[in-house]
């Protein structure tokens, strides 16, 4: 059978089992309380149970995330924000050298872009910042980005974000590259 047909048959079987279970519970309720549960409530309950079962089966058959660049990288909650950098460094160390280099370059460019953005939008604030302040500002921005992504966050998304900045601000990329040599 094709994958789609197998999935359709599996969904029908799960729905039939869920409907049977809900009907059995409705029968027990009818015997115990002498009340009849309306058919629309049975149908809704069976559909909801089937959806939950299918979702659980789909999630149990897959790993919680990828590996390497696609491994989950979940930002710590706000009260533990200081653990973000050690968490990032640990995730980075676990990457193969080529992937590590890609993430390092992406985050380095993102740091540059954060500073460049501040320089253009608030020159007075930029003038007051030390190099450490700019790095901290960039780390905060990367932390916030990871928080926004939630459970779908991976290190690959930092590479993607850097690529988006390169497309939107190619002059920043050129300036960054010229400062690297």
N, C-alpha and C. Protein backbone atom coordinates (compact mmCIF):
# COMPACT_ATOMS: atom_id res chain seq x y z
N UNK A 1 0.83 -1.19 0.00
CA UNK A 1 0.00 0.00 0.00
C UNK A 1 0.87 1.25 0.00
N UNK A 2 0.31 2.31 -0.57
CA UNK A 2 1.05 3.57 -0.54
C UNK A 2 0.96 4.17 0.86
N UNK A 3 1.88 5.06 1.16
CA UNK A 3 1.92 5.67 2.48
C UNK A 3 0.65 6.42 2.83
N UNK A 4 0.07 7.12 1.86
CA UNK A 4 -1.15 7.89 2.12
C UNK A 4 -2.32 6.97 2.41
N UNK A 5 -2.42 5.88 1.65
CA UNK A 5 -3.51 4.93 1.86
C UNK A 5 -3.37 4.26 3.22
N UNK A 6 -2.14 3.87 3.57
CA UNK A 6 -1.91 3.26 4.88
C UNK A 6 -2.29 4.22 6.00
N UNK A 7 -1.92 5.47 5.85
CA UNK A 7 -2.26 6.47 6.86
C UNK A 7 -3.77 6.67 6.96
N UNK A 8 -4.44 6.67 5.84
CA UNK A 8 -5.91 6.80 5.83
C UNK A 8 -6.58 5.63 6.52
N UNK A 9 -6.13 4.42 6.20
CA UNK A 9 -6.69 3.23 6.84
C UNK A 9 -6.41 3.25 8.34
N UNK A 10 -5.19 3.61 8.71
CA UNK A 10 -4.85 3.69 10.14
C UNK A 10 -5.73 4.70 10.85
N UNK A 11 -5.98 5.86 10.23
CA UNK A 11 -6.83 6.88 10.84
C UNK A 11 -8.26 6.37 11.00
N UNK A 12 -8.78 5.65 10.00
CA UNK A 12 -10.13 5.08 10.10
C UNK A 12 -10.21 4.04 11.22
N UNK A 13 -9.20 3.20 11.32
CA UNK A 13 -9.18 2.20 12.38
C UNK A 13 -9.15 2.88 13.75
N UNK A 14 -8.32 3.89 13.89
CA UNK A 14 -8.23 4.61 15.16
C UNK A 14 -9.56 5.27 15.48
N UNK A 15 -10.21 5.87 14.47
CA UNK A 15 -11.50 6.50 14.71
C UNK A 15 -12.53 5.46 15.12
N UNK A 16 -12.55 4.30 14.45
CA UNK A 16 -13.51 3.24 14.79
C UNK A 16 -13.28 2.76 16.22
N UNK A 17 -12.03 2.58 16.61
CA UNK A 17 -11.73 2.17 17.98
C UNK A 17 -12.15 3.25 18.98
N UNK A 18 -11.87 4.50 18.65
CA UNK A 18 -12.26 5.61 19.53
C UNK A 18 -13.78 5.68 19.65
N UNK A 19 -14.49 5.50 18.53
CA UNK A 19 -15.95 5.55 18.56
C UNK A 19 -16.50 4.39 19.39
N UNK A 20 -15.90 3.21 19.23
CA UNK A 20 -16.32 2.06 20.02
C UNK A 20 -16.12 2.30 21.51
N UNK A 21 -14.99 2.89 21.87
CA UNK A 21 -14.70 3.18 23.27
C UNK A 21 -15.70 4.21 23.83
N UNK A 22 -15.96 5.26 23.05
CA UNK A 22 -16.91 6.28 23.50
C UNK A 22 -18.32 5.69 23.59
N UNK A 23 -18.69 4.84 22.64
CA UNK A 23 -20.02 4.20 22.67
C UNK A 23 -20.15 3.29 23.89
N UNK A 24 -19.08 2.57 24.23
CA UNK A 24 -19.11 1.71 25.41
C UNK A 24 -19.29 2.54 26.68
N UNK A 25 -18.57 3.66 26.77
CA UNK A 25 -18.73 4.54 27.93
C UNK A 25 -20.14 5.10 27.98
N UNK A 26 -20.69 5.49 26.83
CA UNK A 26 -22.06 6.02 26.78
C UNK A 26 -23.06 4.95 27.22
N UNK A 27 -22.83 3.71 26.83
CA UNK A 27 -23.71 2.60 27.23
C UNK A 27 -23.65 2.41 28.74
N UNK A 28 -22.46 2.47 29.32
CA UNK A 28 -22.31 2.33 30.77
C UNK A 28 -22.99 3.49 31.50
N UNK A 29 -22.87 4.69 30.95
CA UNK A 29 -23.54 5.86 31.54
C UNK A 29 -25.05 5.66 31.48
N UNK A 30 -25.53 5.15 30.37
CA UNK A 30 -26.98 4.93 30.20
C UNK A 30 -27.49 3.91 31.21
N UNK A 31 -26.73 2.84 31.42
CA UNK A 31 -27.14 1.81 32.39
C UNK A 31 -27.10 2.38 33.81
N UNK A 32 -26.01 3.10 34.13
CA UNK A 32 -25.83 3.58 35.50
C UNK A 32 -26.75 4.75 35.84
N UNK A 33 -26.99 5.65 34.92
CA UNK A 33 -27.75 6.86 35.26
C UNK A 33 -29.07 6.98 34.53
N UNK A 34 -29.36 6.07 33.67
CA UNK A 34 -30.61 6.09 32.88
C UNK A 34 -30.72 7.34 32.00
N UNK A 35 -29.57 7.95 31.65
CA UNK A 35 -29.56 9.11 30.76
C UNK A 35 -28.94 8.71 29.43
N UNK A 36 -29.51 9.25 28.36
CA UNK A 36 -29.01 8.97 27.03
C UNK A 36 -28.10 10.12 26.59
N UNK A 37 -26.93 9.78 26.10
CA UNK A 37 -26.01 10.79 25.58
C UNK A 37 -26.35 11.01 24.11
N UNK A 38 -26.59 12.28 23.70
CA UNK A 38 -26.96 12.55 22.31
C UNK A 38 -25.86 12.09 21.32
N UNK A 39 -26.28 11.72 20.13
CA UNK A 39 -25.37 11.20 19.10
C UNK A 39 -24.31 12.23 18.72
N UNK A 40 -24.67 13.51 18.67
CA UNK A 40 -23.68 14.52 18.29
C UNK A 40 -22.57 14.62 19.34
N UNK A 41 -22.89 14.42 20.61
CA UNK A 41 -21.88 14.43 21.66
C UNK A 41 -20.97 13.20 21.50
N UNK A 42 -21.58 12.05 21.18
CA UNK A 42 -20.78 10.84 20.94
C UNK A 42 -19.83 11.03 19.77
N UNK A 43 -20.35 11.58 18.68
CA UNK A 43 -19.52 11.78 17.49
C UNK A 43 -18.38 12.75 17.77
N UNK A 44 -18.69 13.85 18.46
CA UNK A 44 -17.66 14.82 18.79
C UNK A 44 -16.61 14.21 19.70
N UNK A 45 -17.04 13.49 20.70
CA UNK A 45 -16.12 12.86 21.65
C UNK A 45 -15.23 11.83 20.96
N UNK A 46 -15.81 11.04 20.08
CA UNK A 46 -15.03 10.04 19.35
C UNK A 46 -14.01 10.70 18.44
N UNK A 47 -14.41 11.77 17.76
CA UNK A 47 -13.50 12.47 16.87
C UNK A 47 -12.35 13.09 17.67
N UNK A 48 -12.68 13.70 18.80
CA UNK A 48 -11.64 14.31 19.63
C UNK A 48 -10.67 13.25 20.15
N UNK A 49 -11.19 12.13 20.61
CA UNK A 49 -10.34 11.05 21.09
C UNK A 49 -9.45 10.50 19.97
N UNK A 50 -10.02 10.35 18.79
CA UNK A 50 -9.24 9.85 17.64
C UNK A 50 -8.12 10.82 17.29
N UNK A 51 -8.41 12.11 17.31
CA UNK A 51 -7.39 13.12 16.99
C UNK A 51 -6.26 13.06 18.01
N UNK A 52 -6.61 12.95 19.28
CA UNK A 52 -5.60 12.86 20.33
C UNK A 52 -4.75 11.60 20.13
N UNK A 53 -5.39 10.48 19.84
CA UNK A 53 -4.65 9.22 19.62
C UNK A 53 -3.71 9.32 18.43
N UNK A 54 -4.18 9.89 17.34
CA UNK A 54 -3.35 10.04 16.15
C UNK A 54 -2.16 10.96 16.45
N UNK A 55 -2.42 12.07 17.14
CA UNK A 55 -1.33 12.98 17.49
C UNK A 55 -0.29 12.28 18.37
N UNK A 56 -0.76 11.51 19.35
CA UNK A 56 0.17 10.78 20.21
C UNK A 56 0.98 9.76 19.42
N UNK A 57 0.35 9.08 18.49
CA UNK A 57 1.07 8.10 17.67
C UNK A 57 2.10 8.78 16.78
N UNK A 58 1.72 9.90 16.20
CA UNK A 58 2.66 10.62 15.33
C UNK A 58 3.86 11.10 16.13
N UNK A 59 3.64 11.62 17.33
CA UNK A 59 4.73 12.12 18.15
C UNK A 59 5.58 11.00 18.72
N UNK A 60 4.99 9.87 19.02
CA UNK A 60 5.77 8.78 19.59
C UNK A 60 6.65 8.11 18.55
N UNK A 61 6.29 8.22 17.29
CA UNK A 61 7.08 7.60 16.25
C UNK A 61 8.25 8.42 15.78
N UNK A 62 8.32 9.64 16.21
CA UNK A 62 9.42 10.49 15.76
C UNK A 62 10.24 10.92 16.96
N UNK A 63 11.49 11.21 16.68
CA UNK A 63 12.36 11.67 17.75
C UNK A 63 11.99 13.11 18.10
N UNK A 64 12.35 13.60 19.29
CA UNK A 64 11.96 14.93 19.69
C UNK A 64 12.60 16.03 18.84
N UNK A 65 13.56 15.70 18.07
CA UNK A 65 14.19 16.70 17.21
C UNK A 65 15.30 16.07 16.41
N UNK A 66 15.93 16.88 15.62
CA UNK A 66 17.01 16.40 14.79
C UNK A 66 18.30 16.30 15.58
N UNK A 67 19.36 16.20 14.83
CA UNK A 67 20.69 16.15 15.44
C UNK A 67 21.53 17.26 14.82
N UNK A 68 22.66 17.53 15.44
CA UNK A 68 23.56 18.54 14.90
C UNK A 68 22.90 19.90 14.84
N UNK A 69 22.95 20.53 13.68
CA UNK A 69 22.35 21.85 13.50
C UNK A 69 20.85 21.85 13.70
N UNK A 70 20.21 20.69 13.54
CA UNK A 70 18.76 20.59 13.65
C UNK A 70 18.29 20.08 15.00
N UNK A 71 19.21 19.91 15.94
CA UNK A 71 18.82 19.50 17.30
C UNK A 71 18.10 20.66 17.97
N UNK A 72 17.12 20.37 18.79
CA UNK A 72 16.43 21.46 19.50
C UNK A 72 17.41 22.27 20.33
N UNK A 73 17.24 23.56 20.29
CA UNK A 73 18.05 24.48 21.08
C UNK A 73 17.08 25.45 21.75
N UNK A 74 16.57 25.03 22.90
CA UNK A 74 15.52 25.77 23.58
C UNK A 74 16.14 26.76 24.56
N UNK A 75 15.78 28.02 24.41
CA UNK A 75 16.30 29.06 25.30
C UNK A 75 15.78 28.83 26.72
N UNK A 76 16.64 29.05 27.72
CA UNK A 76 16.18 28.90 29.09
C UNK A 76 15.16 29.99 29.43
N UNK A 77 14.35 29.76 30.45
CA UNK A 77 13.40 30.82 30.84
C UNK A 77 14.14 32.05 31.35
N UNK A 78 13.43 33.15 31.35
CA UNK A 78 14.01 34.44 31.72
C UNK A 78 14.81 34.41 33.04
N UNK A 79 14.29 33.77 34.11
CA UNK A 79 15.07 33.78 35.36
C UNK A 79 16.44 33.09 35.25
N UNK A 80 16.60 32.20 34.29
CA UNK A 80 17.88 31.52 34.10
C UNK A 80 18.59 31.99 32.83
N UNK A 81 18.34 33.22 32.43
CA UNK A 81 18.91 33.75 31.19
C UNK A 81 20.43 33.62 31.16
N UNK A 82 21.08 33.70 32.32
CA UNK A 82 22.54 33.63 32.36
C UNK A 82 23.06 32.27 31.90
N UNK A 83 22.20 31.26 31.86
CA UNK A 83 22.64 29.94 31.39
C UNK A 83 22.60 29.83 29.86
N UNK A 84 22.12 30.87 29.19
CA UNK A 84 22.01 30.83 27.73
C UNK A 84 23.38 30.65 27.06
N UNK A 85 24.34 31.46 27.45
CA UNK A 85 25.67 31.39 26.82
C UNK A 85 26.34 30.04 27.06
N UNK A 86 26.38 29.50 28.28
CA UNK A 86 26.95 28.16 28.46
C UNK A 86 26.20 27.09 27.66
N UNK A 87 24.87 27.22 27.60
CA UNK A 87 24.06 26.27 26.82
C UNK A 87 24.44 26.36 25.34
N UNK A 88 24.60 27.59 24.85
CA UNK A 88 24.97 27.80 23.46
C UNK A 88 26.35 27.20 23.19
N UNK A 89 27.31 27.47 24.08
CA UNK A 89 28.67 26.94 23.90
C UNK A 89 28.69 25.41 23.92
N UNK A 90 27.90 24.81 24.79
CA UNK A 90 27.82 23.34 24.86
C UNK A 90 27.25 22.79 23.55
N UNK A 91 26.18 23.40 23.06
CA UNK A 91 25.59 22.96 21.80
C UNK A 91 26.57 23.12 20.65
N UNK A 92 27.32 24.21 20.66
CA UNK A 92 28.31 24.48 19.63
C UNK A 92 29.43 23.44 19.65
N UNK A 93 29.90 23.08 20.84
CA UNK A 93 30.98 22.10 20.98
C UNK A 93 30.57 20.71 20.48
N UNK A 94 29.28 20.42 20.49
CA UNK A 94 28.81 19.11 20.07
C UNK A 94 28.68 18.98 18.55
N UNK A 95 28.87 20.08 17.85
CA UNK A 95 28.73 20.06 16.39
C UNK A 95 30.02 19.58 15.73
N UNK A 96 29.89 18.99 14.55
CA UNK A 96 31.09 18.69 13.76
C UNK A 96 31.77 20.01 13.37
N UNK A 97 33.07 19.98 13.11
CA UNK A 97 33.82 21.23 12.84
C UNK A 97 33.21 22.13 11.77
N UNK A 98 32.76 21.56 10.68
CA UNK A 98 32.20 22.40 9.60
C UNK A 98 30.93 23.11 10.05
N UNK A 99 30.04 22.41 10.75
CA UNK A 99 28.81 23.03 11.25
C UNK A 99 29.13 24.07 12.32
N UNK A 100 30.10 23.76 13.18
CA UNK A 100 30.51 24.70 14.22
C UNK A 100 31.00 26.00 13.56
N UNK A 101 31.79 25.86 12.51
CA UNK A 101 32.30 27.04 11.80
C UNK A 101 31.15 27.85 11.19
N UNK A 102 30.15 27.17 10.66
CA UNK A 102 29.00 27.86 10.06
C UNK A 102 28.23 28.65 11.10
N UNK A 103 27.98 28.04 12.26
CA UNK A 103 27.24 28.74 13.32
C UNK A 103 28.08 29.88 13.88
N UNK A 104 29.37 29.65 14.05
CA UNK A 104 30.25 30.69 14.58
C UNK A 104 30.27 31.90 13.65
N UNK A 105 30.40 31.66 12.35
CA UNK A 105 30.40 32.77 11.41
C UNK A 105 29.05 33.48 11.42
N UNK A 106 27.96 32.72 11.46
CA UNK A 106 26.62 33.33 11.46
C UNK A 106 26.43 34.20 12.70
N UNK A 107 26.78 33.68 13.87
CA UNK A 107 26.57 34.47 15.09
C UNK A 107 27.54 35.65 15.17
N UNK A 108 28.71 35.49 14.61
CA UNK A 108 29.65 36.61 14.57
C UNK A 108 29.09 37.72 13.68
N UNK A 109 28.54 37.33 12.54
CA UNK A 109 27.93 38.33 11.66
C UNK A 109 26.70 38.95 12.31
N UNK A 110 25.91 38.14 13.03
CA UNK A 110 24.74 38.68 13.72
C UNK A 110 25.15 39.71 14.78
N UNK A 111 26.27 39.46 15.45
CA UNK A 111 26.78 40.42 16.42
C UNK A 111 27.16 41.72 15.73
N UNK A 112 27.85 41.59 14.61
CA UNK A 112 28.22 42.76 13.81
C UNK A 112 26.96 43.51 13.36
N UNK A 113 25.96 42.76 12.87
CA UNK A 113 24.73 43.37 12.36
C UNK A 113 23.97 44.09 13.47
N UNK A 114 23.95 43.52 14.67
CA UNK A 114 23.27 44.17 15.79
C UNK A 114 23.94 45.51 16.10
N UNK A 115 25.26 45.52 16.11
CA UNK A 115 25.99 46.77 16.35
C UNK A 115 25.76 47.76 15.23
N UNK A 116 25.80 47.28 14.01
CA UNK A 116 25.60 48.15 12.83
C UNK A 116 24.20 48.75 12.85
N UNK A 117 23.22 47.94 13.24
CA UNK A 117 21.84 48.42 13.33
C UNK A 117 21.73 49.52 14.39
N UNK A 118 22.35 49.29 15.55
CA UNK A 118 22.32 50.31 16.60
C UNK A 118 23.01 51.58 16.12
N UNK A 119 24.10 51.43 15.40
CA UNK A 119 24.84 52.59 14.90
C UNK A 119 23.96 53.42 13.97
N UNK A 120 23.14 52.76 13.16
CA UNK A 120 22.28 53.48 12.23
C UNK A 120 21.03 54.04 12.88
N UNK A 121 20.46 53.31 13.84
CA UNK A 121 19.19 53.74 14.43
C UNK A 121 19.36 54.65 15.64
N UNK A 122 20.45 54.48 16.40
CA UNK A 122 20.68 55.28 17.60
C UNK A 122 22.18 55.55 17.76
N UNK A 123 22.72 56.44 16.92
CA UNK A 123 24.17 56.70 16.94
C UNK A 123 24.70 57.14 18.30
N UNK A 124 23.91 57.91 19.05
CA UNK A 124 24.37 58.38 20.37
C UNK A 124 24.55 57.20 21.32
N UNK A 125 23.61 56.29 21.31
CA UNK A 125 23.71 55.09 22.16
C UNK A 125 24.89 54.24 21.72
N UNK A 126 25.05 54.08 20.41
CA UNK A 126 26.17 53.28 19.88
C UNK A 126 27.50 53.87 20.33
N UNK A 127 27.62 55.18 20.31
CA UNK A 127 28.88 55.84 20.67
C UNK A 127 29.25 55.58 22.13
N UNK A 128 28.28 55.32 22.97
CA UNK A 128 28.53 55.09 24.39
C UNK A 128 28.84 53.62 24.71
N UNK A 129 28.68 52.74 23.74
CA UNK A 129 28.83 51.30 23.98
C UNK A 129 30.29 50.86 23.84
N UNK A 130 30.72 50.02 24.76
CA UNK A 130 32.03 49.37 24.61
C UNK A 130 31.84 48.11 23.76
N UNK A 131 32.94 47.48 23.39
CA UNK A 131 32.83 46.23 22.63
C UNK A 131 32.07 45.17 23.44
N UNK A 132 32.32 45.13 24.75
CA UNK A 132 31.62 44.15 25.60
C UNK A 132 30.13 44.45 25.65
N UNK A 133 29.77 45.72 25.69
CA UNK A 133 28.35 46.10 25.69
C UNK A 133 27.67 45.63 24.40
N UNK A 134 28.36 45.80 23.28
CA UNK A 134 27.79 45.39 21.99
C UNK A 134 27.63 43.88 21.91
N UNK A 135 28.60 43.15 22.44
CA UNK A 135 28.49 41.68 22.46
C UNK A 135 27.32 41.26 23.35
N UNK A 136 27.18 41.89 24.52
CA UNK A 136 26.07 41.57 25.43
C UNK A 136 24.73 41.90 24.76
N UNK A 137 24.67 43.02 24.07
CA UNK A 137 23.46 43.43 23.35
C UNK A 137 23.11 42.39 22.28
N UNK A 138 24.11 41.93 21.56
CA UNK A 138 23.88 40.93 20.52
C UNK A 138 23.43 39.60 21.13
N UNK A 139 24.07 39.18 22.22
CA UNK A 139 23.67 37.94 22.89
C UNK A 139 22.22 38.02 23.37
N UNK A 140 21.84 39.17 23.86
CA UNK A 140 20.45 39.36 24.30
C UNK A 140 19.50 39.22 23.11
N UNK A 141 19.89 39.80 21.98
CA UNK A 141 19.06 39.68 20.78
C UNK A 141 18.97 38.21 20.32
N UNK A 142 20.09 37.48 20.39
CA UNK A 142 20.06 36.06 20.00
C UNK A 142 19.23 35.25 20.99
N UNK A 143 19.30 35.60 22.27
CA UNK A 143 18.49 34.94 23.28
C UNK A 143 17.00 35.18 23.00
N UNK A 144 16.65 36.43 22.73
CA UNK A 144 15.24 36.77 22.44
C UNK A 144 14.75 36.05 21.19
N UNK A 145 15.60 35.97 20.18
CA UNK A 145 15.23 35.25 18.96
C UNK A 145 14.94 33.78 19.29
N UNK A 146 15.81 33.16 20.08
CA UNK A 146 15.61 31.76 20.46
C UNK A 146 14.32 31.60 21.27
N UNK A 147 14.05 32.55 22.14
CA UNK A 147 12.81 32.51 22.93
C UNK A 147 11.59 32.58 22.01
N UNK A 148 11.63 33.47 21.03
CA UNK A 148 10.51 33.62 20.10
C UNK A 148 10.27 32.34 19.31
N UNK A 149 11.34 31.64 18.97
CA UNK A 149 11.21 30.41 18.19
C UNK A 149 10.66 29.26 19.03
N UNK A 150 10.85 29.36 20.34
CA UNK A 150 10.31 28.33 21.24
C UNK A 150 10.90 26.96 20.99
N UNK A 151 10.04 25.96 21.00
CA UNK A 151 10.52 24.58 20.87
C UNK A 151 10.98 24.24 19.46
N UNK A 152 10.74 25.12 18.50
CA UNK A 152 11.21 24.84 17.14
C UNK A 152 12.61 25.39 16.89
N UNK A 153 13.21 26.01 17.90
CA UNK A 153 14.52 26.63 17.72
C UNK A 153 15.62 25.58 17.56
N UNK A 154 16.49 25.84 16.58
CA UNK A 154 17.69 25.03 16.34
C UNK A 154 18.84 26.00 16.03
N UNK A 155 20.05 25.51 16.10
CA UNK A 155 21.19 26.36 15.75
C UNK A 155 21.16 26.74 14.27
N UNK A 156 20.57 25.90 13.44
CA UNK A 156 20.46 26.22 12.01
C UNK A 156 19.69 27.53 11.80
N UNK A 157 18.79 27.86 12.71
CA UNK A 157 18.01 29.09 12.54
C UNK A 157 18.87 30.34 12.68
N UNK A 158 19.98 30.25 13.42
CA UNK A 158 20.91 31.39 13.47
C UNK A 158 21.58 31.55 12.11
N UNK A 159 21.90 30.45 11.46
CA UNK A 159 22.48 30.53 10.12
C UNK A 159 21.46 31.14 9.16
N UNK A 160 20.23 30.68 9.26
CA UNK A 160 19.16 31.22 8.42
C UNK A 160 18.98 32.72 8.66
N UNK A 161 18.99 33.13 9.93
CA UNK A 161 18.82 34.54 10.26
C UNK A 161 19.95 35.38 9.68
N UNK A 162 21.18 34.89 9.79
CA UNK A 162 22.33 35.59 9.21
C UNK A 162 22.17 35.71 7.69
N UNK A 163 21.71 34.64 7.05
CA UNK A 163 21.50 34.68 5.59
C UNK A 163 20.45 35.71 5.22
N UNK A 164 19.41 35.83 6.04
CA UNK A 164 18.38 36.84 5.77
C UNK A 164 18.96 38.25 5.89
N UNK A 165 19.78 38.48 6.91
CA UNK A 165 20.43 39.79 7.04
C UNK A 165 21.34 40.06 5.85
N UNK A 166 22.04 39.04 5.38
CA UNK A 166 22.93 39.22 4.22
C UNK A 166 22.13 39.66 3.00
N UNK A 167 20.93 39.09 2.84
CA UNK A 167 20.09 39.46 1.70
C UNK A 167 19.53 40.87 1.86
N UNK A 168 19.10 41.19 3.09
CA UNK A 168 18.48 42.49 3.31
C UNK A 168 19.49 43.63 3.38
N UNK A 169 20.67 43.33 3.89
CA UNK A 169 21.71 44.35 4.05
C UNK A 169 23.03 43.84 3.48
N UNK A 170 23.13 43.68 2.17
CA UNK A 170 24.37 43.14 1.60
C UNK A 170 25.59 44.03 1.88
N UNK A 171 25.35 45.32 2.07
CA UNK A 171 26.48 46.21 2.38
C UNK A 171 27.05 45.89 3.76
N UNK A 172 26.21 45.47 4.70
CA UNK A 172 26.71 45.06 6.02
C UNK A 172 27.57 43.81 5.88
N UNK A 173 27.13 42.87 5.05
CA UNK A 173 27.90 41.64 4.85
C UNK A 173 29.26 41.97 4.24
N UNK A 174 29.27 42.85 3.25
CA UNK A 174 30.53 43.23 2.61
C UNK A 174 31.46 43.92 3.62
N UNK A 175 30.90 44.81 4.43
CA UNK A 175 31.69 45.49 5.44
C UNK A 175 32.24 44.49 6.46
N UNK A 176 31.39 43.56 6.89
CA UNK A 176 31.81 42.53 7.85
C UNK A 176 32.96 41.71 7.26
N UNK A 177 32.80 41.25 6.02
CA UNK A 177 33.82 40.42 5.37
C UNK A 177 35.13 41.20 5.22
N UNK A 178 35.05 42.48 4.89
CA UNK A 178 36.27 43.26 4.72
C UNK A 178 37.00 43.44 6.04
N UNK A 179 36.29 43.46 7.15
CA UNK A 179 36.93 43.60 8.46
C UNK A 179 37.51 42.28 8.95
N UNK A 180 37.12 41.18 8.36
CA UNK A 180 37.62 39.87 8.78
C UNK A 180 39.00 39.58 8.21
N UNK A 181 39.38 40.28 7.18
CA UNK A 181 40.68 40.00 6.53
C UNK A 181 41.71 41.04 6.84
